[in-house]
C-alpha atoms as a PDB file:
ATOM      1  CA  ASN A   1       0.076   0.313  -0.066  1.00  0.00           C
ATOM      2  CA  GLU A   2       1.632   2.797  -1.374  1.00  0.00           C
ATOM      3  CA  PRO A   3       1.736   6.005   0.493  1.00  0.00           C
ATOM      4  CA  PRO A   4       0.046   9.361  -0.861  1.00  0.00           C
ATOM      5  CA  ASN A   5       1.618  11.440  -3.321  1.00  0.00           C
ATOM      6  CA  ALA A   6       1.523  14.488  -0.724  1.00  0.00           C
ATOM      7  CA  GLU A   7       3.545  12.218   1.950  1.00  0.00           C
ATOM      8  CA  LYS A   8       6.193  11.109  -1.140  1.00  0.00           C
ATOM      9  CA  PHE A   9       6.769  14.589  -2.387  1.00  0.00           C
ATOM     10  CA  TYR A  10       7.317  15.751   1.381  1.00  0.00           C
ATOM     11  CA  LEU A  11       9.904  12.763   1.932  1.00  0.00           C
ATOM     12  CA  LEU A  12      11.530  13.546  -1.137  1.00  0.00           C
ATOM     13  CA  GLY A  13      11.815  17.537  -0.094  1.00  0.00           C
ATOM     14  CA  ARG A  14      13.261  16.486   3.064  1.00  0.00           C
ATOM     15  CA  ALA A  15      16.011  13.910   1.622  1.00  0.00           C
ATOM     16  CA  ALA A  16      16.992  16.810  -0.828  1.00  0.00           C
ATOM     17  CA  LEU A  17      17.047  19.270   2.353  1.00  0.00           C
ATOM     18  CA  LEU A  18      19.601  16.853   3.958  1.00  0.00           C
ATOM     19  CA  LYS A  19      21.589  16.863   0.748  1.00  0.00           C
ATOM     20  CA  ASN A  20      21.666  20.609   0.643  1.00  0.00           C
ATOM     21  CA  ASN A  21      19.687  20.401  -2.346  1.00  0.00           C
ATOM     22  CA  PHE A  22      17.745  23.500  -1.740  1.00  0.00           C
ATOM     23  CA  LYS A  23      16.059  24.229  -5.127  1.00  0.00           C
ATOM     24  CA  GLU A  24      14.810  20.397  -5.500  1.00  0.00           C
ATOM     25  CA  ALA A  25      13.522  20.441  -1.725  1.00  0.00           C
ATOM     26  CA  GLU A  26      11.325  23.572  -3.007  1.00  0.00           C
ATOM     27  CA  ASN A  27      10.101  22.006  -6.021  1.00  0.00           C
ATOM     28  CA  TYR A  28       9.260  18.871  -3.892  1.00  0.00           C
ATOM     29  CA  PHE A  29       7.865  20.537  -1.272  1.00  0.00           C
ATOM     30  CA  LYS A  30       5.382  22.665  -3.675  1.00  0.00           C
ATOM     31  CA  GLN A  31       4.376  19.400  -5.452  1.00  0.00           C
ATOM     32  CA  ALA A  32       3.402  17.841  -1.992  1.00  0.00           C
ATOM     33  CA  GLN A  33       1.214  21.331  -1.544  1.00  0.00           C
ATOM     34  CA  THR A  34      -0.746  20.303  -4.293  1.00  0.00           C
ATOM     35  CA  GLN A  35      -1.424  17.032  -3.112  1.00  0.00           C
ATOM     36  CA  LEU A  36      -2.800  17.979   0.426  1.00  0.00           C
ATOM     37  CA  GLU A  37      -6.322  17.097  -0.533  1.00  0.00           C
ATOM     38  CA  GLU A  38      -5.672  13.353  -0.883  1.00  0.00           C
ATOM     39  CA  ILE A  39      -4.202  13.537   2.904  1.00  0.00           C
ATOM     40  CA  HIS A  40      -6.757  12.230   5.261  1.00  0.00           C
ATOM     41  CA  PRO A  41      -8.340  15.395   7.464  1.00  0.00           C
ATOM     42  CA  SER A  42      -6.809  14.186  10.740  1.00  0.00           C
ATOM     43  CA  ASN A  43      -3.397  14.415   9.231  1.00  0.00           C
ATOM     44  CA  ARG A  44      -3.298  16.923   6.793  1.00  0.00           C
ATOM     45  CA  LYS A  45      -2.751  19.892   8.856  1.00  0.00           C
ATOM     46  CA  VAL A  46       0.520  18.468  10.684  1.00  0.00           C
ATOM     47  CA  LEU A  47       1.744  17.531   6.916  1.00  0.00           C
ATOM     48  CA  GLU A  48       1.053  21.214   5.817  1.00  0.00           C
ATOM     49  CA  ASN A  49       2.814  22.666   8.505  1.00  0.00           C
ATOM     50  CA  ASP A  50       5.975  20.432   8.025  1.00  0.00           C
ATOM     51  CA  ILE A  51       5.668  21.238   4.261  1.00  0.00           C
ATOM     52  CA  ASN A  52       5.765  25.034   5.041  1.00  0.00           C
ATOM     53  CA  ILE A  53       8.638  24.368   7.393  1.00  0.00           C
ATOM     54  CA  GLY A  54      10.605  22.459   4.678  1.00  0.00           C
ATOM     55  CA  LEU A  55       9.752  25.602   2.078  1.00  0.00           C
ATOM     56  CA  THR A  56      11.056  28.287   4.550  1.00  0.00           C
ATOM     57  CA  ILE A  57      14.362  26.306   4.968  1.00  0.00           C
ATOM     58  CA  ALA A  58      14.508  25.773   1.383  1.00  0.00           C
ATOM     59  CA  THR A  59      13.851  29.271   0.407  1.00  0.00           C
ATOM     60  CA  THR A  60      15.486  31.193   2.977  1.00  0.00           C
ATOM     61  CA  GLU A  61      19.417  31.503   2.954  1.00  0.00           C
ATOM     62  CA  ALA A  62      19.812  32.060   6.645  1.00  0.00           C
ATOM     63  CA  ALA A  63      18.060  29.006   7.575  1.00  0.00           C
ATOM     64  CA  GLN A  64      19.984  27.299   4.831  1.00  0.00           C
ATOM     65  CA  THR A  65      23.564  28.449   6.531  1.00  0.00           C
ATOM     66  CA  ASP A  66      22.212  27.272   9.641  1.00  0.00           C
ATOM     67  CA  ILE A  67      21.075  23.749   8.438  1.00  0.00           C
ATOM     68  CA  LYS A  68      24.363  23.233   6.703  1.00  0.00           C
ATOM     69  CA  LYS A  69      26.311  24.438  10.079  1.00  0.00           C
ATOM     70  CA  ARG A  70      24.235  21.931  12.260  1.00  0.00           C
ATOM     71  CA  MET A  71      24.873  18.966   9.809  1.00  0.00           C
ATOM     72  CA  THR A  72      28.713  19.821   9.772  1.00  0.00           C
ATOM     73  CA  GLU A  73      28.442  19.934  13.401  1.00  0.00           C
ATOM     74  CA  LYS A  74      26.737  16.492  13.850  1.00  0.00           C
ATOM     75  CA  SER A  75      29.174  14.908  11.277  1.00  0.00           C
ATOM     76  CA  ASN A  76      31.885  16.312  13.162  1.00  0.00           C
ATOM     77  CA  SER A  77      30.530  14.962  16.401  1.00  0.00           C
ATOM     78  CA  SER A  78      29.857  11.605  15.009  1.00  0.00           C
ATOM     79  CA  ALA A  79      33.417  11.233  13.281  1.00  0.00           C
ATOM     80  CA  ASN A  80      35.002  11.997  16.681  1.00  0.00           C
ATOM     81  CA  THR A  81      33.049   9.739  18.742  1.00  0.00           C
ATOM     82  CA  ASN A  82      33.650   7.117  16.248  1.00  0.00           C
ATOM     83  CA  SER A  83      37.505   7.856  16.489  1.00  0.00           C
ATOM     84  CA  ALA A  84      37.319   7.901  20.511  1.00  0.00           C
ATOM     85  CA  THR A  85      35.887   4.437  20.486  1.00  0.00           C
ATOM     86  CA  GLY A  86      38.087   2.929  17.574  1.00  0.00           C
ATOM     87  CA  ASN A  87      34.706   2.355  14.923  1.00  0.00           C
ATOM     88  CA  LYS A  88      35.691   2.964  11.707  1.00  0.00           C
ATOM     89  CA  SER A  89      31.986   3.296  10.352  1.00  0.00           C
ATOM     90  CA  VAL A  90      30.339   6.528  10.028  1.00  0.00           C
ATOM     91  CA  VAL A  91      26.906   6.871  10.975  1.00  0.00           C
ATOM     92  CA  PRO A  92      25.304  10.051   9.304  1.00  0.00           C
END
């Protein structure tokens, strides 16, 4: 049973954000917005809010800079933890 298109596009937008592909993320979030009517009313508002948050990040340079910084800090923190424990695998 496949998720509705709005959810798929939302998740693709989030994945694009994590890859710092902000224009791609914006496009996916906009597609998700056009599909919201297919979402059950009990979930629609939450998804709509999450899409709006994603769009804000995808279209605001200050938010993009902050996300990049946080992702770098998290990545560096994971790498340091793995070095300290002798674990060679890096977990994002």
